[in-house]
Amino acid sequence: MLVDLLLAALHHLLAFGIAAAITAQLVLVRPGMQPPAVGLAAKYDIALGVMSASLLAVGFARVFFGAKGAAFYLHNHVFWTKVVLFALVGLLSIKPTRALLRWRKAQAADAGFAPGGAEIRAVRKTLMTEIHLFALLPIAAAAMARGYGYT
């Protein structure tokens, strides 16, 4: 039971951390962003990647070592919906990551570099899509915890 509690708590803390990192990027990546914001947004992007990989590992540890057992999760279409949503968020995060890497490289060559408005808008749009998809995960988790999706 203690292992299940610890895995569940860590899973939830990582999910909140991911939401915070995406939100922080949204706050930083905006029209008129100044050069220091690029570096800070890139740091949040690294944190987002680490937390996402950790959440995936902890989530699957819950599947195989948690109290409900693998059969509960692996035969639950809501669980697989969560996995797909998480994967979509991960795939979407590639675009902002690549933009931040380009911006950091440009800043290394020119300390005063600031990204253009069109590129900022495109990255913000992707970040907004990420956070909205990510917001569906707790809804699916609540449904799954109440037995929905189990076949």
C-alpha atoms as a PDB file:
ATOM      1  CA  MET A   1       0.000   0.000   0.000  1.00  0.00           C
ATOM      2  CA  LEU A   2       2.823   2.420   0.795  1.00  0.00           C
ATOM      3  CA  VAL A   3       4.375   1.921  -2.644  1.00  0.00           C
ATOM      4  CA  ASP A   4       1.004   2.635  -4.260  1.00  0.00           C
ATOM      5  CA  LEU A   5       0.586   5.802  -2.183  1.00  0.00           C
ATOM      6  CA  LEU A   6       4.084   7.054  -2.987  1.00  0.00           C
ATOM      7  CA  LEU A   7       3.700   6.350  -6.708  1.00  0.00           C
ATOM      8  CA  ALA A   8       0.290   8.073  -6.796  1.00  0.00           C
ATOM      9  CA  ALA A   9       1.590  11.129  -4.931  1.00  0.00           C
ATOM     10  CA  LEU A  10       4.649  11.434  -7.162  1.00  0.00           C
ATOM     11  CA  HIS A  11       2.477  10.965 -10.259  1.00  0.00           C
ATOM     12  CA  HIS A  12       0.208  13.816  -9.184  1.00  0.00           C
ATOM     13  CA  LEU A  13       3.086  16.127  -8.242  1.00  0.00           C
ATOM     14  CA  LEU A  14       4.728  15.561 -11.625  1.00  0.00           C
ATOM     15  CA  ALA A  15       1.450  16.275 -13.420  1.00  0.00           C
ATOM     16  CA  PHE A  16       1.080  19.572 -11.550  1.00  0.00           C
ATOM     17  CA  GLY A  17       4.713  20.379 -12.351  1.00  0.00           C
ATOM     18  CA  ILE A  18       4.135  19.766 -16.050  1.00  0.00           C
ATOM     19  CA  ALA A  19       1.098  22.031 -16.051  1.00  0.00           C
ATOM     20  CA  ALA A  20       3.154  24.705 -14.268  1.00  0.00           C
ATOM     21  CA  ALA A  21       6.039  24.414 -16.757  1.00  0.00           C
ATOM     22  CA  ILE A  22       3.750  24.772 -19.775  1.00  0.00           C
ATOM     23  CA  THR A  23       2.011  27.722 -18.106  1.00  0.00           C
ATOM     24  CA  ALA A  24       5.368  29.353 -17.341  1.00  0.00           C
ATOM     25  CA  GLN A  25       6.355  29.014 -20.983  1.00  0.00           C
ATOM     26  CA  LEU A  26       3.082  30.659 -21.984  1.00  0.00           C
ATOM     27  CA  VAL A  27       3.835  33.553 -19.644  1.00  0.00           C
ATOM     28  CA  LEU A  28       7.356  33.971 -21.067  1.00  0.00           C
ATOM     29  CA  VAL A  29       6.756  33.351 -24.765  1.00  0.00           C
ATOM     30  CA  ARG A  30       4.722  36.354 -25.792  1.00  0.00           C
ATOM     31  CA  PRO A  31       4.914  39.213 -28.255  1.00  0.00           C
ATOM     32  CA  GLY A  32       7.686  41.587 -27.301  1.00  0.00           C
ATOM     33  CA  MET A  33       9.529  39.005 -25.215  1.00  0.00           C
ATOM     34  CA  GLN A  34      12.956  40.196 -24.155  1.00  0.00           C
ATOM     35  CA  PRO A  35      16.190  38.195 -24.581  1.00  0.00           C
ATOM     36  CA  PRO A  36      16.346  36.962 -20.934  1.00  0.00           C
ATOM     37  CA  ALA A  37      12.918  35.342 -21.364  1.00  0.00           C
ATOM     38  CA  VAL A  38      14.301  33.037 -24.066  1.00  0.00           C
ATOM     39  CA  GLY A  39      16.788  31.450 -21.675  1.00  0.00           C
ATOM     40  CA  LEU A  40      14.239  31.113 -18.914  1.00  0.00           C
ATOM     41  CA  ALA A  41      11.648  29.562 -21.246  1.00  0.00           C
ATOM     42  CA  ALA A  42      14.323  27.100 -22.411  1.00  0.00           C
ATOM     43  CA  LYS A  43      14.996  26.116 -18.777  1.00  0.00           C
ATOM     44  CA  TYR A  44      11.295  25.457 -18.268  1.00  0.00           C
ATOM     45  CA  ASP A  45      11.351  23.384 -21.445  1.00  0.00           C
ATOM     46  CA  ILE A  46      14.138  21.211 -20.027  1.00  0.00           C
ATOM     47  CA  ALA A  47      12.191  20.829 -16.767  1.00  0.00           C
ATOM     48  CA  LEU A  48       9.107  19.928 -18.797  1.00  0.00           C
ATOM     49  CA  GLY A  49      11.015  17.186 -20.597  1.00  0.00           C
ATOM     50  CA  VAL A  50      12.465  15.739 -17.389  1.00  0.00           C
ATOM     51  CA  MET A  51       9.093  15.805 -15.626  1.00  0.00           C
ATOM     52  CA  SER A  52       7.334  14.268 -18.636  1.00  0.00           C
ATOM     53  CA  ALA A  53       9.779  11.369 -18.835  1.00  0.00           C
ATOM     54  CA  SER A  54       9.492  10.910 -15.059  1.00  0.00           C
ATOM     55  CA  LEU A  55       5.692  11.006 -15.186  1.00  0.00           C
ATOM     56  CA  LEU A  56       5.676   8.350 -17.883  1.00  0.00           C
ATOM     57  CA  ALA A  57       7.999   6.117 -15.834  1.00  0.00           C
ATOM     58  CA  VAL A  58       6.032   6.615 -12.613  1.00  0.00           C
ATOM     59  CA  GLY A  59       2.728   6.139 -14.442  1.00  0.00           C
ATOM     60  CA  PHE A  60       3.775   2.790 -15.827  1.00  0.00           C
ATOM     61  CA  ALA A  61       5.242   1.835 -12.435  1.00  0.00           C
ATOM     62  CA  ARG A  62       1.737   2.448 -11.062  1.00  0.00           C
ATOM     63  CA  VAL A  63       0.322   0.155 -13.740  1.00  0.00           C
ATOM     64  CA  PHE A  64       2.613  -2.744 -12.865  1.00  0.00           C
ATOM     65  CA  PHE A  65       3.320  -2.176  -9.149  1.00  0.00           C
ATOM     66  CA  GLY A  66       0.264  -0.246  -7.970  1.00  0.00           C
ATOM     67  CA  ALA A  67      -2.631  -1.601  -5.924  1.00  0.00           C
ATOM     68  CA  LYS A  68      -5.083  -1.911  -8.832  1.00  0.00           C
ATOM     69  CA  GLY A  69      -2.821  -4.111 -10.942  1.00  0.00           C
ATOM     70  CA  ALA A  70      -2.017  -4.147 -14.622  1.00  0.00           C
ATOM     71  CA  ALA A  71      -5.287  -5.821 -15.642  1.00  0.00           C
ATOM     72  CA  PHE A  72      -7.269  -2.815 -14.412  1.00  0.00           C
ATOM     73  CA  TYR A  73      -5.273  -0.390 -16.555  1.00  0.00           C
ATOM     74  CA  LEU A  74      -4.399  -2.400 -19.639  1.00  0.00           C
ATOM     75  CA  HIS A  75      -8.038  -3.307 -20.308  1.00  0.00           C
ATOM     76  CA  ASN A  76      -9.337   0.206 -19.723  1.00  0.00           C
ATOM     77  CA  HIS A  77      -9.955   2.390 -22.765  1.00  0.00           C
ATOM     78  CA  VAL A  78      -9.886   5.534 -20.596  1.00  0.00           C
ATOM     79  CA  PHE A  79      -6.324   4.625 -19.553  1.00  0.00           C
ATOM     80  CA  TRP A  80      -5.352   4.331 -23.225  1.00  0.00           C
ATOM     81  CA  THR A  81      -7.081   7.650 -23.902  1.00  0.00           C
ATOM     82  CA  LYS A  82      -4.821   9.181 -21.240  1.00  0.00           C
ATOM     83  CA  VAL A  83      -1.756   7.606 -22.839  1.00  0.00           C
ATOM     84  CA  VAL A  84      -2.721   8.945 -26.278  1.00  0.00           C
ATOM     85  CA  LEU A  85      -3.443  12.430 -24.909  1.00  0.00           C
ATOM     86  CA  PHE A  86      -0.085  12.465 -23.122  1.00  0.00           C
ATOM     87  CA  ALA A  87       1.654  11.325 -26.318  1.00  0.00           C
ATOM     88  CA  LEU A  88      -0.079  14.087 -28.298  1.00  0.00           C
ATOM     89  CA  VAL A  89       1.091  16.688 -25.788  1.00  0.00           C
ATOM     90  CA  GLY A  90       4.601  15.260 -26.110  1.00  0.00           C
ATOM     91  CA  LEU A  91       4.518  15.414 -29.888  1.00  0.00           C
ATOM     92  CA  LEU A  92       3.200  18.970 -29.812  1.00  0.00           C
ATOM     93  CA  SER A  93       6.018  19.991 -27.467  1.00  0.00           C
ATOM     94  CA  ILE A  94       8.578  19.288 -30.191  1.00  0.00           C
ATOM     95  CA  LYS A  95       7.739  22.537 -32.012  1.00  0.00           C
ATOM     96  CA  PRO A  96       8.330  24.864 -29.020  1.00  0.00           C
ATOM     97  CA  THR A  97      11.468  22.931 -28.064  1.00  0.00           C
ATOM     98  CA  ARG A  98      12.923  23.325 -31.541  1.00  0.00           C
ATOM     99  CA  ALA A  99      12.037  27.027 -31.589  1.00  0.00           C
ATOM    100  CA  LEU A 100      13.673  27.579 -28.191  1.00  0.00           C
ATOM    101  CA  LEU A 101      16.816  25.779 -29.362  1.00  0.00           C
ATOM    102  CA  ARG A 102      16.951  28.009 -32.469  1.00  0.00           C
ATOM    103  CA  TRP A 103      16.395  31.109 -30.369  1.00  0.00           C
ATOM    104  CA  ARG A 104      19.135  30.128 -27.912  1.00  0.00           C
ATOM    105  CA  LYS A 105      21.528  29.534 -30.802  1.00  0.00           C
ATOM    106  CA  ALA A 106      20.644  32.920 -32.284  1.00  0.00           C
ATOM    107  CA  GLN A 107      21.211  34.527 -28.877  1.00  0.00           C
ATOM    108  CA  ALA A 108      24.632  32.909 -28.633  1.00  0.00           C
ATOM    109  CA  ALA A 109      25.561  34.717 -31.854  1.00  0.00           C
ATOM    110  CA  ASP A 110      23.765  37.959 -30.925  1.00  0.00           C
ATOM    111  CA  ALA A 111      23.033  38.641 -27.251  1.00  0.00           C
ATOM    112  CA  GLY A 112      20.298  41.102 -28.195  1.00  0.00           C
ATOM    113  CA  PHE A 113      18.363  38.613 -30.328  1.00  0.00           C
ATOM    114  CA  ALA A 114      14.614  38.467 -29.761  1.00  0.00           C
ATOM    115  CA  PRO A 115      12.330  36.163 -31.762  1.00  0.00           C
ATOM    116  CA  GLY A 116       9.921  37.610 -34.303  1.00  0.00           C
ATOM    117  CA  GLY A 117       6.221  38.080 -33.706  1.00  0.00           C
ATOM    118  CA  ALA A 118       5.028  35.432 -36.178  1.00  0.00           C
ATOM    119  CA  GLU A 119       7.260  32.776 -34.663  1.00  0.00           C
ATOM    120  CA  ILE A 120       6.191  33.713 -31.141  1.00  0.00           C
ATOM    121  CA  ARG A 121       2.516  33.482 -32.130  1.00  0.00           C
ATOM    122  CA  ALA A 122       3.056  30.039 -33.660  1.00  0.00           C
ATOM    123  CA  VAL A 123       4.824  28.744 -30.552  1.00  0.00           C
ATOM    124  CA  ARG A 124       2.143  30.229 -28.264  1.00  0.00           C
ATOM    125  CA  LYS A 125      -0.577  28.565 -30.311  1.00  0.00           C
ATOM    126  CA  THR A 126       1.154  25.213 -29.876  1.00  0.00           C
ATOM    127  CA  LEU A 127       1.641  25.796 -26.141  1.00  0.00           C
ATOM    128  CA  MET A 128      -2.049  26.686 -25.781  1.00  0.00           C
ATOM    129  CA  THR A 129      -3.010  23.474 -27.571  1.00  0.00           C
ATOM    130  CA  GLU A 130      -0.676  21.528 -25.260  1.00  0.00           C
ATOM    131  CA  ILE A 131      -2.147  22.979 -22.063  1.00  0.00           C
ATOM    132  CA  HIS A 132      -5.715  22.410 -23.241  1.00  0.00           C
ATOM    133  CA  LEU A 133      -5.037  18.777 -24.143  1.00  0.00           C
ATOM    134  CA  PHE A 134      -3.147  18.314 -20.881  1.00  0.00           C
ATOM    135  CA  ALA A 135      -6.178  19.628 -18.984  1.00  0.00           C
ATOM    136  CA  LEU A 136      -8.176  16.659 -20.285  1.00  0.00           C
ATOM    137  CA  LEU A 137      -5.889  14.201 -18.473  1.00  0.00           C
ATOM    138  CA  PRO A 138      -7.225  14.811 -14.940  1.00  0.00           C
ATOM    139  CA  ILE A 139     -10.766  14.470 -16.273  1.00  0.00           C
ATOM    140  CA  ALA A 140      -9.900  11.086 -17.757  1.00  0.00           C
ATOM    141  CA  ALA A 141      -8.075  10.127 -14.546  1.00  0.00           C
ATOM    142  CA  ALA A 142     -11.119  10.970 -12.440  1.00  0.00           C
ATOM    143  CA  ALA A 143     -13.334   8.898 -14.735  1.00  0.00           C
ATOM    144  CA  MET A 144     -10.931   5.985 -14.646  1.00  0.00           C
ATOM    145  CA  ALA A 145     -10.669   6.106 -10.841  1.00  0.00           C
ATOM    146  CA  ARG A 146     -14.444   5.710 -10.712  1.00  0.00           C
ATOM    147  CA  GLY A 147     -14.439   2.621 -12.905  1.00  0.00           C
ATOM    148  CA  TYR A 148     -15.235   4.144 -16.281  1.00  0.00           C
ATOM    149  CA  GLY A 149     -13.620   2.457 -19.258  1.00  0.00           C
ATOM    150  CA  TYR A 150     -12.918  -0.879 -17.626  1.00  0.00           C
ATOM    151  CA  THR A 151     -13.990  -3.711 -19.934  1.00  0.00           C
END
